[in-house]
């Protein structure tokens, strides 16, 4: 493979002409695109950047969108125009040319400087490395996004989609590390990270260094990033039977979490799905919250066992006996879980730990071995609500400026709703909607965008797409992607991703270095 790449680079060269522009009824040029014929000895691919000399000694830079073979002209490429260098008078730039390029103009591969100009990177005040453009001629161009386009206030949140095994989750971790290093090392900002581990021990080694190969080192050097795992990591593992952690592995720097009634009496709605509304269970939940602490005679209700025995609800709260029976049956089910206990000995309440998070902290919350989706969703919802409470508390001045949150398989917690949405989904969406203005940024992933509540995608600024089938790409969440790019997404290789962001005029294909820490 390396020999083939070297051969392609040798044939393509770096500065020689690779073709000439076309202009005809069959191949029309517009202010937004142009066609050119490709020389027979040249290999070119979609997402490559090319440059053509335009009028008044300007250069128009664009990206290859599609390739077409015709009997009379050979192979032709359609190019989407990204930028024009503009008319220059001395050191003063006046105006960019937006007229279509003419016929028979020589075309060559763009230089690194031209690609960066076309992306608009020079205008970014605080760039965050976001990947690398690799062109067919061997050129590698680091891609950056300004902090305001990644972490707000201009746009915020990142979502990755793609079939399993195509490294979309790995990319999000690369971007997390990149943002963390730039914010802490160069901007001296307070940044904390919260990671939910949803797959066995996958993310329970993020502080353990893995030996990097030559290519990984080269890519990290190109992006000017350090090769190192996360530091200052604390793992939070769910309490299991006999008080032991219910986790695939138990890192040395871990704590066990559980939930007492007094911890979450005001969050019980997160444990009830949307179907409970027909039984008016919400009236009981509201009463517990508003009347807390509950009293049964002189006894104060403080544990799950106490709640199961409590019958002091007013008539207007429990209009039907079936409502109370439904509520008690539900409480009894989840109180059998070792996470929901009457008295803590070796475990702690997770929400309290979240409210103590500070700059440079990395919290990994393991939910992978929790047996039910309902209980997993409760943990996610409770963390999100605790973050909201952190921002509204009197201690908010001590919180980090940015809290970056990673959730894989986000469709499990905010699925595309058939009718009403669950309390967990509502809480996650509330955190997302307010996150752009306050620096609470979600990095999420799932296989298919079509399985997720559309509100997530509407509030997400950066979309990463790995390989997907055309049937999925035809769904509404992908309307921001043009048909040519969709056709190219179907052909992506493992590790190749398409980045869609309003900061760029066109979706761009990127690669990235593998994470420098161990995975399960």
Foldseek 3Di string as FASTA:
>chain_A
DVVVLVVQLVQQDADDFQWWWADDPVFHWFLFKTKTFGDPSHDFDFQFKKWWQAPLRKIWIWTWLDWDADDPRGIMTMTTTQFIPAHDDVPDGDDGDSGTGDGGITMGGDALVVVCVSLVVVVAPQWFFQFWFATSSGDIHTDTDHPCQDQHDVAYFEEEAADPPQCRVQSLVVSVQRVLCSCCVPVVFFEEEEEEDAAAFFPVWQQFFADFDPVLVVQCVNSVHDAGGAPQEEEEFEQAPPRDGLGNDDDPRYAYAADWCVRCLLPCLLLDWPVLVVLLLVLVSVCSNVVPQDDDDPDTDTGLVSVLVDDPDDCVSNVDPVSVVVVSVSSVVVCPGSRYGHDDDRHYHPLVVLLVDIGSYYYYYYDNRVDDLSVVLSVQLSSLVSVVVSCVDPVVVRHGQAYEYEDEQCLSNAFADPPDGGPSNVSVLVSLVPSNVRHYGYHYYDHAPNGGHVSNLVRHFKYKYAADDVVRCVDVSNPQADPSVNVVRNVHDRQWIWMDGPSGPHIHIGGHRGRRIDTD
